[in-house]
Amino acid sequence: MKYFKCTAGATKLILSDCQLDDDALMEVTSSLLLGGRELKLEDLDLSDNLIQAVGCKHVAAILLSTKIKRINLSKNPMMLAEGFQEICKAVHSNRHIQSLDFHECGIDLSGATGWQETLEDIK
């Protein structure tokens, strides 16, 4: 992960099935957000990795700092409700989001209903 670099003009970043864990995702986030340049990133695919709740905080930082439209976090079964709620908080602040994919992320019914509760807490 030392050599990860994303150009400012990139609109799509696909890192699916890369075995990214929370530490690796922190490096990705740092690379994306360093330099204070405005990213044109619209699509981010982090599907089929090892992202947990801490990693979702890094994804939330990306959401809060970009005008990203689509994020695929599917097949991250260790994300669970706690990670899902981190993303919910960030989505509330990013009005550009058009699509989120959370299938097979270990989110049960109580975690899914946490979306509404999280948004109510923010208000």
Protein backbone atom coordinates (compact mmCIF):
# COMPACT_ATOMS: atom_id res chain seq x y z
CA MET A 1 0.00 0.00 0.00
CA LYS A 2 3.04 2.29 0.18
CA TYR A 3 2.76 3.17 -3.48
CA PHE A 4 -0.91 4.02 -3.71
CA LYS A 5 -1.50 7.28 -5.56
CA CYS A 6 -4.67 8.76 -6.97
CA THR A 7 -4.50 11.61 -9.47
CA ALA A 8 -6.63 14.68 -8.86
CA GLY A 9 -8.56 14.12 -12.09
CA ALA A 10 -9.61 10.55 -11.31
CA THR A 11 -13.38 10.03 -11.23
CA LYS A 12 -13.43 6.30 -10.43
CA LEU A 13 -11.40 4.25 -7.99
CA ILE A 14 -11.90 0.48 -7.92
CA LEU A 15 -10.28 -1.36 -5.02
CA SER A 16 -12.56 -4.37 -4.89
CA ASP A 17 -11.26 -7.74 -3.72
CA CYS A 18 -7.92 -6.30 -2.57
CA GLN A 19 -8.03 -7.66 1.00
CA LEU A 20 -8.01 -4.07 2.31
CA ASP A 21 -8.35 -3.90 6.06
CA ASP A 22 -8.91 -0.83 8.23
CA ASP A 23 -5.20 0.08 8.29
CA ALA A 24 -4.89 -0.13 4.51
CA LEU A 25 -8.05 1.93 4.13
CA MET A 26 -6.51 4.59 6.36
CA GLU A 27 -3.61 4.83 3.90
CA VAL A 28 -6.00 5.05 0.95
CA THR A 29 -7.94 7.83 2.68
CA SER A 30 -4.74 9.72 3.50
CA SER A 31 -3.60 9.50 -0.12
CA LEU A 32 -6.94 10.71 -1.40
CA LEU A 33 -7.26 13.62 1.00
CA LEU A 34 -3.63 14.80 1.26
CA GLY A 35 -2.56 17.93 -0.53
CA GLY A 36 -5.77 19.88 -0.13
CA ARG A 37 -6.63 19.45 -3.79
CA GLU A 38 -10.25 19.04 -4.82
CA LEU A 39 -10.91 15.49 -5.90
CA LYS A 40 -13.21 14.75 -8.79
CA LEU A 41 -13.85 11.24 -7.49
CA GLU A 42 -17.43 10.16 -8.20
CA ASP A 43 -17.27 6.36 -7.85
CA LEU A 44 -15.52 4.38 -5.15
CA ASP A 45 -15.66 0.58 -5.11
CA LEU A 46 -14.39 -0.98 -1.89
CA SER A 47 -16.39 -4.18 -2.23
CA ASP A 48 -15.18 -7.59 -1.09
CA ASN A 49 -12.55 -6.41 1.40
CA LEU A 50 -11.97 -6.66 5.15
CA ILE A 51 -13.42 -3.30 6.23
CA GLN A 52 -14.71 -3.04 9.79
CA ALA A 53 -16.19 -0.17 11.81
CA VAL A 54 -12.87 1.72 12.10
CA GLY A 55 -12.46 1.54 8.33
CA CYS A 56 -15.93 2.99 7.93
CA LYS A 57 -14.71 6.10 9.77
CA HIS A 58 -12.13 6.48 7.01
CA VAL A 59 -14.81 6.01 4.34
CA ALA A 60 -16.87 8.65 6.16
CA ALA A 61 -13.92 11.06 5.94
CA ILE A 62 -13.88 10.55 2.16
CA LEU A 63 -17.63 11.19 2.02
CA LEU A 64 -17.26 14.38 4.03
CA SER A 65 -14.41 15.70 1.87
CA THR A 66 -15.61 14.91 -1.65
CA LYS A 67 -18.62 15.16 -3.90
CA ILE A 68 -18.63 11.42 -4.39
CA LYS A 69 -21.83 10.03 -5.90
CA ARG A 70 -21.54 6.25 -5.63
CA ILE A 71 -19.90 3.96 -3.08
CA ASN A 72 -19.90 0.18 -3.14
CA LEU A 73 -19.10 -1.35 0.24
CA SER A 74 -20.75 -4.70 -0.44
CA LYS A 75 -19.20 -7.95 0.76
CA ASN A 76 -17.47 -6.46 3.80
CA PRO A 77 -19.14 -8.81 6.29
CA MET A 78 -17.27 -7.47 9.33
CA MET A 79 -18.57 -3.90 8.88
CA LEU A 80 -21.73 -4.57 10.91
CA ALA A 81 -24.15 -1.95 12.25
CA GLU A 82 -21.49 0.19 13.95
CA GLY A 83 -19.69 0.81 10.68
CA PHE A 84 -22.96 1.33 8.85
CA GLN A 85 -23.89 4.10 11.29
CA GLU A 86 -20.57 5.89 10.67
CA ILE A 87 -21.41 5.97 6.97
CA CYS A 88 -24.95 7.17 7.73
CA LYS A 89 -23.64 10.19 9.60
CA ALA A 90 -21.41 11.17 6.68
CA VAL A 91 -24.13 10.62 4.08
CA HIS A 92 -26.28 13.11 5.96
CA SER A 93 -23.63 15.77 5.24
CA ASN A 94 -22.90 14.77 1.63
CA ARG A 95 -25.89 15.61 -0.54
CA HIS A 96 -24.17 14.33 -3.69
CA ILE A 97 -24.60 10.64 -2.84
CA GLN A 98 -26.80 8.84 -5.33
CA SER A 99 -25.99 5.19 -4.61
CA LEU A 100 -24.72 3.14 -1.68
CA ASP A 101 -24.30 -0.63 -1.81
CA PHE A 102 -24.21 -2.41 1.55
CA HIS A 103 -25.28 -5.94 0.64
CA GLU A 104 -23.52 -8.72 2.54
CA CYS A 105 -22.07 -6.35 5.15
CA GLY A 106 -23.32 -8.11 8.25
CA ILE A 107 -26.01 -5.49 8.87
CA ASP A 108 -29.05 -7.06 10.50
CA LEU A 109 -32.51 -5.53 10.85
CA SER A 110 -31.64 -3.60 14.00
CA GLY A 111 -28.54 -2.18 12.29
CA ALA A 112 -30.55 -1.17 9.26
CA THR A 113 -33.12 0.63 11.38
CA GLY A 114 -30.20 2.42 13.01
CA TRP A 115 -30.03 4.52 9.84
CA GLN A 116 -33.13 6.42 10.88
CA GLU A 117 -32.06 6.68 14.53
CA THR A 118 -28.63 7.99 13.52
CA LEU A 119 -30.17 10.69 11.34
CA GLU A 120 -32.55 11.68 14.14
CA ASP A 121 -29.60 12.03 16.54
CA ILE A 122 -27.86 14.38 14.09
CA LYS A 123 -30.82 16.77 13.86
